[in-house]
């Protein structure tokens, strides 16, 4: 019998580090961010990415490629 698929299981997409932030806005600004600020940034970045067309377009491009790898 085939394994059942958990349709609601979530998989992490990405992460962000202070080094990532420093690369964009500089170390002076990045070092002022608290861990809470970083959590909020990660949440806002996730939401912005998932709400963009790029996220959904990439699913349509990547999934057929992954299935082809089987």
N, C-alpha and C. Protein backbone atom coordinates (compact mmCIF):
# COMPACT_ATOMS: atom_id res chain seq x y z
N UNK A 1 0.85 -1.18 0.00
CA UNK A 1 0.00 0.00 0.00
C UNK A 1 0.89 1.24 0.00
N UNK A 2 0.56 2.21 -0.81
CA UNK A 2 1.35 3.44 -0.92
C UNK A 2 1.24 4.26 0.35
N UNK A 3 2.34 4.97 0.67
CA UNK A 3 2.31 5.88 1.82
C UNK A 3 1.31 6.97 1.56
N UNK A 4 0.62 7.38 2.62
CA UNK A 4 -0.32 8.49 2.45
C UNK A 4 0.48 9.80 2.42
N UNK A 5 -0.04 10.74 1.69
CA UNK A 5 0.61 12.03 1.54
C UNK A 5 0.00 13.02 2.52
N UNK A 6 0.84 13.69 3.29
CA UNK A 6 0.37 14.73 4.21
C UNK A 6 0.36 16.06 3.43
N UNK A 7 -0.81 16.43 2.94
CA UNK A 7 -0.96 17.61 2.09
C UNK A 7 -0.73 18.91 2.84
N UNK A 8 -0.78 18.89 4.16
CA UNK A 8 -0.60 20.10 4.96
C UNK A 8 0.80 20.25 5.54
N UNK A 9 1.69 19.30 5.28
CA UNK A 9 3.05 19.38 5.80
C UNK A 9 3.75 20.58 5.16
N UNK A 10 4.42 21.37 5.99
CA UNK A 10 5.14 22.55 5.52
C UNK A 10 6.63 22.23 5.38
N UNK A 11 7.26 22.79 4.38
CA UNK A 11 8.68 22.63 4.14
C UNK A 11 9.33 24.01 4.11
N UNK A 12 10.41 24.21 4.88
CA UNK A 12 11.06 25.53 4.90
C UNK A 12 11.54 25.93 3.50
N UNK A 13 11.44 27.21 3.22
CA UNK A 13 11.85 27.70 1.91
C UNK A 13 13.26 28.27 1.95
N UNK A 14 13.53 29.16 2.89
CA UNK A 14 14.82 29.82 2.91
C UNK A 14 15.08 30.39 4.30
N UNK A 15 16.19 31.03 4.44
CA UNK A 15 16.54 31.69 5.70
C UNK A 15 17.32 32.95 5.36
N UNK A 16 17.53 33.76 6.37
CA UNK A 16 18.29 34.99 6.19
C UNK A 16 19.22 35.15 7.40
N UNK A 17 20.43 35.60 7.16
CA UNK A 17 21.40 35.81 8.23
C UNK A 17 21.81 37.28 8.29
N UNK A 18 22.46 37.65 9.35
CA UNK A 18 22.97 39.02 9.44
C UNK A 18 23.99 39.30 8.34
N UNK A 19 24.75 38.27 7.96
CA UNK A 19 25.69 38.46 6.85
C UNK A 19 24.95 38.80 5.57
N UNK A 20 23.82 38.14 5.33
CA UNK A 20 23.00 38.47 4.16
C UNK A 20 22.56 39.93 4.21
N UNK A 21 22.09 40.33 5.38
CA UNK A 21 21.63 41.72 5.56
C UNK A 21 22.78 42.68 5.35
N UNK A 22 23.93 42.38 5.95
CA UNK A 22 25.10 43.26 5.83
C UNK A 22 25.54 43.42 4.37
N UNK A 23 25.41 42.36 3.59
CA UNK A 23 25.77 42.44 2.17
C UNK A 23 24.92 43.46 1.43
N UNK A 24 23.69 43.68 1.91
CA UNK A 24 22.77 44.59 1.23
C UNK A 24 22.80 45.99 1.83
N UNK A 25 22.75 46.08 3.15
CA UNK A 25 22.63 47.40 3.79
C UNK A 25 23.88 47.84 4.55
N UNK A 26 24.88 46.98 4.62
CA UNK A 26 26.11 47.32 5.31
C UNK A 26 26.12 46.82 6.75
N UNK A 27 27.33 46.61 7.27
CA UNK A 27 27.48 46.07 8.62
C UNK A 27 26.94 47.01 9.68
N UNK A 28 27.10 48.31 9.48
CA UNK A 28 26.65 49.29 10.48
C UNK A 28 25.15 49.14 10.77
N UNK A 29 24.37 48.98 9.74
CA UNK A 29 22.92 48.80 9.94
C UNK A 29 22.61 47.39 10.44
N UNK A 30 23.26 46.40 9.87
CA UNK A 30 22.98 45.00 10.21
C UNK A 30 23.26 44.72 11.69
N UNK A 31 24.30 45.32 12.23
CA UNK A 31 24.65 45.03 13.62
C UNK A 31 23.67 45.63 14.61
N UNK A 32 22.82 46.54 14.16
CA UNK A 32 21.80 47.14 15.03
C UNK A 32 20.56 46.26 15.18
N UNK A 33 20.44 45.25 14.35
CA UNK A 33 19.26 44.39 14.38
C UNK A 33 19.34 43.40 15.54
N UNK A 34 18.27 43.32 16.31
CA UNK A 34 18.17 42.32 17.37
C UNK A 34 17.73 41.00 16.75
N UNK A 35 17.78 39.94 17.53
CA UNK A 35 17.27 38.65 17.05
C UNK A 35 15.79 38.77 16.70
N UNK A 36 15.05 39.54 17.50
CA UNK A 36 13.62 39.75 17.22
C UNK A 36 13.45 40.48 15.88
N UNK A 37 14.28 41.48 15.63
CA UNK A 37 14.25 42.18 14.33
C UNK A 37 14.51 41.20 13.19
N UNK A 38 15.47 40.30 13.38
CA UNK A 38 15.80 39.33 12.34
C UNK A 38 14.63 38.37 12.11
N UNK A 39 13.96 37.96 13.18
CA UNK A 39 12.78 37.11 13.03
C UNK A 39 11.69 37.83 12.25
N UNK A 40 11.49 39.09 12.57
CA UNK A 40 10.48 39.88 11.86
C UNK A 40 10.86 40.07 10.40
N UNK A 41 12.14 40.31 10.14
CA UNK A 41 12.62 40.45 8.76
C UNK A 41 12.37 39.15 8.00
N UNK A 42 12.71 38.02 8.60
CA UNK A 42 12.52 36.73 7.93
C UNK A 42 11.05 36.50 7.61
N UNK A 43 10.18 36.84 8.54
CA UNK A 43 8.74 36.68 8.31
C UNK A 43 8.27 37.57 7.18
N UNK A 44 8.71 38.82 7.20
CA UNK A 44 8.28 39.75 6.15
C UNK A 44 8.85 39.36 4.79
N UNK A 45 10.09 38.87 4.77
CA UNK A 45 10.69 38.42 3.52
C UNK A 45 9.94 37.20 2.98
N UNK A 46 9.62 36.25 3.87
CA UNK A 46 8.87 35.06 3.47
C UNK A 46 7.52 35.46 2.88
N UNK A 47 6.82 36.35 3.59
CA UNK A 47 5.51 36.78 3.11
C UNK A 47 5.62 37.49 1.77
N UNK A 48 6.61 38.36 1.62
CA UNK A 48 6.78 39.10 0.36
C UNK A 48 7.09 38.14 -0.78
N UNK A 49 7.94 37.17 -0.52
CA UNK A 49 8.30 36.22 -1.57
C UNK A 49 7.10 35.34 -1.95
N UNK A 50 6.40 34.83 -0.95
CA UNK A 50 5.27 33.94 -1.23
C UNK A 50 4.11 34.67 -1.89
N UNK A 51 4.01 35.97 -1.67
CA UNK A 51 2.94 36.75 -2.29
C UNK A 51 3.31 37.22 -3.69
N UNK A 52 4.55 37.05 -4.07
CA UNK A 52 4.98 37.51 -5.40
C UNK A 52 4.70 36.43 -6.44
N UNK A 53 4.57 36.84 -7.67
CA UNK A 53 4.36 35.90 -8.76
C UNK A 53 5.58 35.00 -8.94
N UNK A 54 6.77 35.51 -8.60
CA UNK A 54 7.99 34.73 -8.79
C UNK A 54 7.92 33.40 -8.04
N UNK A 55 7.39 33.43 -6.82
CA UNK A 55 7.28 32.20 -6.03
C UNK A 55 6.45 31.16 -6.77
N UNK A 56 5.28 31.54 -7.19
CA UNK A 56 4.36 30.61 -7.84
C UNK A 56 4.87 30.19 -9.21
N UNK A 57 5.48 31.12 -9.95
CA UNK A 57 6.05 30.78 -11.25
C UNK A 57 7.16 29.75 -11.10
N UNK A 58 7.99 29.90 -10.08
CA UNK A 58 9.10 28.98 -9.88
C UNK A 58 8.63 27.57 -9.54
N UNK A 59 7.51 27.45 -8.82
CA UNK A 59 6.97 26.12 -8.55
C UNK A 59 6.67 25.41 -9.87
N UNK A 60 6.02 26.13 -10.77
CA UNK A 60 5.68 25.56 -12.07
C UNK A 60 6.88 25.20 -12.92
N UNK A 61 8.00 25.85 -12.70
CA UNK A 61 9.22 25.57 -13.45
C UNK A 61 10.03 24.44 -12.80
N UNK A 62 10.12 24.47 -11.48
CA UNK A 62 10.99 23.53 -10.77
C UNK A 62 10.37 22.14 -10.63
N UNK A 63 9.07 22.06 -10.37
CA UNK A 63 8.45 20.75 -10.15
C UNK A 63 8.65 19.80 -11.34
N UNK A 64 8.37 20.22 -12.58
CA UNK A 64 8.61 19.29 -13.69
C UNK A 64 10.08 18.85 -13.78
N UNK A 65 10.99 19.74 -13.44
CA UNK A 65 12.41 19.40 -13.45
C UNK A 65 12.69 18.33 -12.39
N UNK A 66 12.12 18.49 -11.20
CA UNK A 66 12.32 17.50 -10.14
C UNK A 66 11.73 16.14 -10.52
N UNK A 67 10.55 16.15 -11.09
CA UNK A 67 9.91 14.89 -11.49
C UNK A 67 10.74 14.21 -12.55
N UNK A 68 11.36 14.98 -13.42
CA UNK A 68 12.23 14.43 -14.44
C UNK A 68 13.48 13.77 -13.86
N UNK A 69 13.86 14.14 -12.63
CA UNK A 69 15.03 13.58 -11.97
C UNK A 69 14.75 12.20 -11.37
N UNK A 70 13.50 11.74 -11.33
CA UNK A 70 13.15 10.45 -10.70
C UNK A 70 13.60 9.31 -11.56
